[in-house]
Amino acid sequence: MANDLELRQPRRWRQGRAMASRRVLVIAAHPDDELLGCGGTVALHAKAGDEVTSVIVCEGESLRYGLQGVGQTEHIRRAAAALGVCDVRPLGFADQRLDTLPLTEVISPLEALVKELQPRIVYCQWGGDINRDHQVLFQAALVATRPTAGWVRAVYAFDTASSTEWAYPRTFTADTWVDISATLDIKLAAMACYTSEVRPYPHPRSLDALRHRALAWGNQQCLEAAEVFMTVRRTLQHGETPV
């Protein structure tokens, strides 16, 4: 069964009741990672009036496309606008080079952002992906969002198409399903902004495959379409009880 979630609370706005704005932080390694795993959920947050900030840690261009790049800055801006993200923070680390740095160099800017933004909910990439940047970033995010940052109430890890499922051993085990039936088309429109990253079907990063992925995840819980997460940590305070 889908477990709580602060995320399942969106049913409150579907029923027309007011919901306090929350601060949400998405931590992603590369441009398009911020929406592959949680774009539909981010769009739900934006629709609810939550303040969503995306952190894009690596520039995602120079390794594959040379110094001239492919306009990822503009792709990031357009994708964020499509999802309703209110703020994007690119950190500019070199692509596929995070494992050459001391981990503290990745942790420090993330810690600073967590302190500045004081998010209630954090989404980050799963550390068992095949991509080494994802692995390093997950370790850094765990430190940056540790319980001493008392305002962080929940940390969820998302899967990334063409990275999570290609790892071995396959260690991503979903425990939370978020119904994105109402925002799946928004997610796909945002992905289409990344013209350099979309692939032809049947590649997992094709628009058709991403739609199929959402339908398959949703069907596991009798939903039309879903995104899935692993709960890294969730804290209930002041007498709150799980849903």
Protein backbone atom coordinates (compact mmCIF):
# COMPACT_ATOMS: atom_id res chain seq x y z
CA MET A 1 0.00 0.00 0.00
CA ALA A 2 1.12 3.57 -0.57
CA ASN A 3 2.39 4.90 2.74
CA ASP A 4 1.67 8.38 4.03
CA LEU A 5 3.07 10.96 2.93
CA GLU A 6 2.92 14.43 3.34
CA LEU A 7 2.63 13.88 -0.41
CA ARG A 8 -0.65 12.09 -0.18
CA GLN A 9 -2.07 15.21 1.46
CA PRO A 10 -2.74 16.78 -1.96
CA ARG A 11 -6.21 15.19 -1.71
CA ARG A 12 -6.94 18.13 0.58
CA TRP A 13 -6.69 20.61 -2.28
CA ARG A 14 -8.63 18.32 -4.58
CA GLN A 15 -11.43 18.54 -2.02
CA GLY A 16 -11.17 22.32 -2.11
CA ARG A 17 -9.81 22.88 1.38
CA ALA A 18 -7.03 25.34 2.12
CA MET A 19 -3.50 24.06 2.53
CA ALA A 20 -0.55 25.98 3.98
CA SER A 21 2.34 26.61 1.60
CA ARG A 22 5.39 24.43 2.16
CA ARG A 23 8.98 24.82 1.06
CA VAL A 24 10.19 21.98 -1.13
CA LEU A 25 13.75 21.29 -2.28
CA VAL A 26 14.70 19.03 -5.19
CA ILE A 27 18.37 17.99 -5.35
CA ALA A 28 19.42 16.66 -8.76
CA ALA A 29 22.77 15.85 -10.31
CA HIS A 30 22.16 16.88 -13.92
CA PRO A 31 19.73 18.92 -16.03
CA ASP A 32 16.56 16.82 -16.58
CA ASP A 33 17.20 14.63 -13.50
CA GLU A 34 15.09 17.09 -11.51
CA LEU A 35 11.99 16.07 -13.43
CA LEU A 36 12.62 12.48 -14.56
CA GLY A 37 11.90 11.07 -11.12
CA CYS A 38 9.66 13.67 -9.50
CA GLY A 39 8.47 16.15 -12.14
CA GLY A 40 4.82 15.18 -11.76
CA THR A 41 5.04 15.45 -7.99
CA VAL A 42 6.79 18.81 -8.24
CA ALA A 43 3.96 20.04 -10.47
CA LEU A 44 1.48 18.94 -7.79
CA HIS A 45 3.40 20.91 -5.19
CA ALA A 46 3.40 23.97 -7.44
CA LYS A 47 -0.35 23.65 -8.05
CA ALA A 48 -0.85 23.53 -4.28
CA GLY A 49 1.03 26.81 -3.88
CA ASP A 50 4.17 25.26 -2.40
CA GLU A 51 7.51 27.00 -2.98
CA VAL A 52 9.70 24.61 -4.97
CA THR A 53 13.42 25.14 -5.47
CA SER A 54 15.49 22.89 -7.73
CA VAL A 55 19.24 22.50 -7.22
CA ILE A 56 21.07 21.29 -10.33
CA VAL A 57 24.51 20.27 -9.12
CA CYS A 58 26.39 19.59 -12.41
CA GLU A 59 26.37 21.66 -15.58
CA GLY A 60 25.59 18.62 -17.70
CA GLU A 61 27.04 19.86 -20.99
CA SER A 62 30.80 20.02 -21.35
CA LEU A 63 31.57 16.29 -21.21
CA ARG A 64 29.23 15.33 -24.04
CA TYR A 65 28.77 18.54 -25.98
CA GLY A 66 32.03 20.44 -25.57
CA LEU A 67 32.57 23.95 -24.29
CA GLN A 68 29.97 25.39 -26.66
CA GLY A 69 27.26 23.36 -24.92
CA VAL A 70 23.69 22.89 -26.10
CA GLY A 71 21.89 25.63 -24.21
CA GLN A 72 21.17 23.72 -21.03
CA THR A 73 20.69 26.94 -19.08
CA GLU A 74 17.73 27.81 -21.27
CA HIS A 75 16.43 24.22 -21.15
CA ILE A 76 16.54 24.32 -17.34
CA ARG A 77 14.67 27.64 -17.27
CA ARG A 78 11.94 26.45 -19.62
CA ALA A 79 11.48 23.13 -17.83
CA ALA A 80 11.24 24.88 -14.46
CA ALA A 81 8.62 27.27 -15.81
CA ALA A 82 6.60 24.36 -17.20
CA LEU A 83 6.60 22.59 -13.80
CA GLY A 84 5.92 25.74 -11.78
CA VAL A 85 9.29 25.72 -9.98
CA CYS A 86 9.86 29.12 -8.42
CA ASP A 87 13.66 29.02 -8.10
CA VAL A 88 16.51 27.09 -9.73
CA ARG A 89 20.01 27.00 -8.26
CA PRO A 90 22.68 25.62 -10.66
CA LEU A 91 25.90 24.82 -8.78
CA GLY A 92 28.03 24.36 -11.91
CA PHE A 93 30.11 21.32 -10.94
CA ALA A 94 31.74 19.50 -13.86
CA ASP A 95 29.72 16.63 -15.29
CA GLN A 96 30.78 13.11 -14.19
CA ARG A 97 33.51 14.51 -11.94
CA LEU A 98 31.91 14.54 -8.48
CA ASP A 99 33.85 11.42 -7.48
CA THR A 100 37.12 13.30 -8.03
CA LEU A 101 36.28 15.84 -5.32
CA PRO A 102 36.37 15.61 -1.55
CA LEU A 103 32.79 14.87 -0.50
CA THR A 104 32.80 17.96 1.69
CA GLU A 105 33.06 20.14 -1.43
CA VAL A 106 29.71 18.79 -2.57
CA ILE A 107 28.16 18.84 0.89
CA SER A 108 29.03 22.46 1.70
CA PRO A 109 26.89 24.26 -0.92
CA LEU A 110 24.01 21.86 -0.28
CA GLU A 111 24.18 22.51 3.46
CA ALA A 112 24.21 26.24 2.81
CA LEU A 113 21.11 25.99 0.62
CA VAL A 114 19.26 23.81 3.13
CA LYS A 115 20.04 26.36 5.84
CA GLU A 116 18.97 29.26 3.63
CA LEU A 117 15.76 27.72 2.27
CA GLN A 118 14.72 25.65 5.32
CA PRO A 119 12.69 23.18 3.24
CA ARG A 120 10.05 20.98 4.82
CA ILE A 121 10.34 18.29 2.14
CA VAL A 122 13.45 17.24 0.21
CA TYR A 123 13.62 15.02 -2.88
CA CYS A 124 16.96 13.60 -3.98
CA GLN A 125 18.24 10.95 -6.38
CA TRP A 126 18.64 7.39 -5.20
CA GLY A 127 22.24 6.51 -4.37
CA GLY A 128 22.14 3.06 -5.96
CA ASP A 129 21.96 4.36 -9.54
CA ILE A 130 24.49 3.32 -12.19
CA ASN A 131 25.55 6.96 -12.56
CA ARG A 132 28.46 7.80 -10.28
CA ASP A 133 27.43 11.44 -9.89
CA HIS A 134 24.06 10.26 -8.54
CA GLN A 135 25.80 8.02 -6.02
CA VAL A 136 28.07 10.78 -4.71
CA LEU A 137 25.27 13.33 -4.63
CA PHE A 138 23.05 11.03 -2.58
CA GLN A 139 25.77 10.68 0.05
CA ALA A 140 26.22 14.45 0.14
CA ALA A 141 22.47 15.02 0.39
CA LEU A 142 22.21 12.65 3.35
CA VAL A 143 24.69 14.80 5.24
CA ALA A 144 23.18 18.12 4.16
CA THR A 145 19.68 17.05 5.32
CA ARG A 146 20.61 15.16 8.49
CA PRO A 147 18.23 15.61 11.45
CA THR A 148 20.21 18.55 12.86
CA ALA A 149 18.44 20.54 10.11
CA GLY A 150 15.28 20.46 12.21
CA TRP A 151 13.01 22.08 9.64
CA VAL A 152 13.43 19.13 7.22
CA ARG A 153 10.49 16.89 7.98
CA ALA A 154 10.84 14.38 5.15
CA VAL A 155 13.50 13.20 2.70
CA TYR A 156 12.49 11.05 -0.27
CA ALA A 157 14.70 9.42 -2.90
CA PHE A 158 13.42 9.14 -6.48
CA ASP A 159 14.36 6.85 -9.34
CA THR A 160 15.89 8.21 -12.54
CA ALA A 161 14.98 6.69 -15.90
CA SER A 162 17.94 5.07 -17.69
CA SER A 163 20.04 5.09 -14.52
CA THR A 164 18.22 3.43 -11.61
CA GLU A 165 16.98 0.40 -13.53
CA TRP A 166 20.36 -0.17 -15.20
CA ALA A 167 22.27 -0.47 -11.92
CA TYR A 168 23.21 -3.78 -10.33
CA PRO A 169 22.28 -4.93 -7.81
CA ARG A 170 18.91 -3.24 -8.23
CA THR A 171 18.28 -1.76 -4.83
CA PHE A 172 15.56 0.82 -5.40
CA THR A 173 12.44 -0.41 -3.61
CA ALA A 174 9.47 1.95 -3.77
CA ASP A 175 7.47 2.50 -0.59
CA THR A 176 5.51 5.57 -1.67
CA TRP A 177 3.34 6.10 -4.72
CA VAL A 178 2.18 9.61 -5.67
CA ASP A 179 -0.77 9.92 -8.05
CA ILE A 180 0.37 12.17 -10.91
CA SER A 181 -2.58 11.53 -13.22
CA ALA A 182 -3.36 15.26 -13.20
CA THR A 183 0.21 16.37 -13.91
CA LEU A 184 1.72 13.68 -16.15
CA ASP A 185 1.26 15.79 -19.28
CA ILE A 186 2.94 18.74 -17.52
CA LYS A 187 5.90 16.52 -16.65
CA LEU A 188 6.25 15.35 -20.25
CA ALA A 189 5.99 18.91 -21.56
CA ALA A 190 8.78 19.91 -19.19
CA MET A 191 10.92 16.99 -20.35
CA ALA A 192 10.39 18.05 -23.95
CA CYS A 193 12.21 21.29 -23.09
CA TYR A 194 15.41 19.23 -22.82
CA THR A 195 15.85 18.72 -26.53
CA SER A 196 19.38 17.35 -26.02
CA GLU A 197 18.24 14.71 -23.50
CA VAL A 198 15.05 13.29 -24.99
CA ARG A 199 15.69 10.05 -26.88
CA PRO A 200 13.60 8.16 -29.44
CA TYR A 201 11.36 5.35 -28.24
CA PRO A 202 11.97 2.74 -26.80
CA HIS A 203 14.77 4.47 -24.86
CA PRO A 204 13.71 5.00 -21.20
CA ARG A 205 14.12 8.78 -21.63
CA SER A 206 11.77 8.98 -24.58
CA LEU A 207 8.49 10.76 -23.90
CA ASP A 208 6.46 7.63 -24.69
CA ALA A 209 8.58 5.49 -22.37
CA LEU A 210 8.24 8.03 -19.55
CA ARG A 211 4.48 7.94 -19.96
CA HIS A 212 4.51 4.13 -19.91
CA ARG A 213 6.73 4.19 -16.83
CA ALA A 214 4.26 6.41 -14.97
CA LEU A 215 1.34 4.22 -15.99
CA ALA A 216 3.13 1.07 -14.87
CA TRP A 217 4.05 2.54 -11.47
CA GLY A 218 0.50 3.76 -11.03
CA ASN A 219 -1.06 0.44 -11.94
CA GLN A 220 0.80 -1.19 -9.05
CA GLN A 221 -1.47 0.78 -6.69
CA CYS A 222 -4.59 0.91 -8.90
CA LEU A 223 -3.79 4.47 -9.97
CA GLU A 224 -3.78 5.80 -13.51
CA ALA A 225 -0.21 7.18 -13.26
CA ALA A 226 2.29 7.59 -10.46
CA GLU A 227 5.80 8.51 -9.41
CA VAL A 228 7.50 6.45 -6.75
CA PHE A 229 9.86 7.18 -3.90
CA MET A 230 11.87 5.53 -1.17
CA THR A 231 11.47 7.15 2.22
CA VAL A 232 14.93 8.10 3.48
CA ARG A 233 13.57 9.75 6.61
CA ARG A 234 10.23 11.15 7.75
CA THR A 235 9.61 12.82 11.08
CA LEU A 236 6.22 13.35 12.71
CA GLN A 237 6.11 16.00 15.41
CA HIS A 238 3.75 17.55 17.95
CA GLY A 239 1.46 14.53 18.27
CA GLU A 240 1.12 13.86 14.54
CA THR A 241 0.32 10.29 13.57
CA PRO A 242 0.86 8.49 10.24
CA VAL A 243 -1.94 8.52 7.68
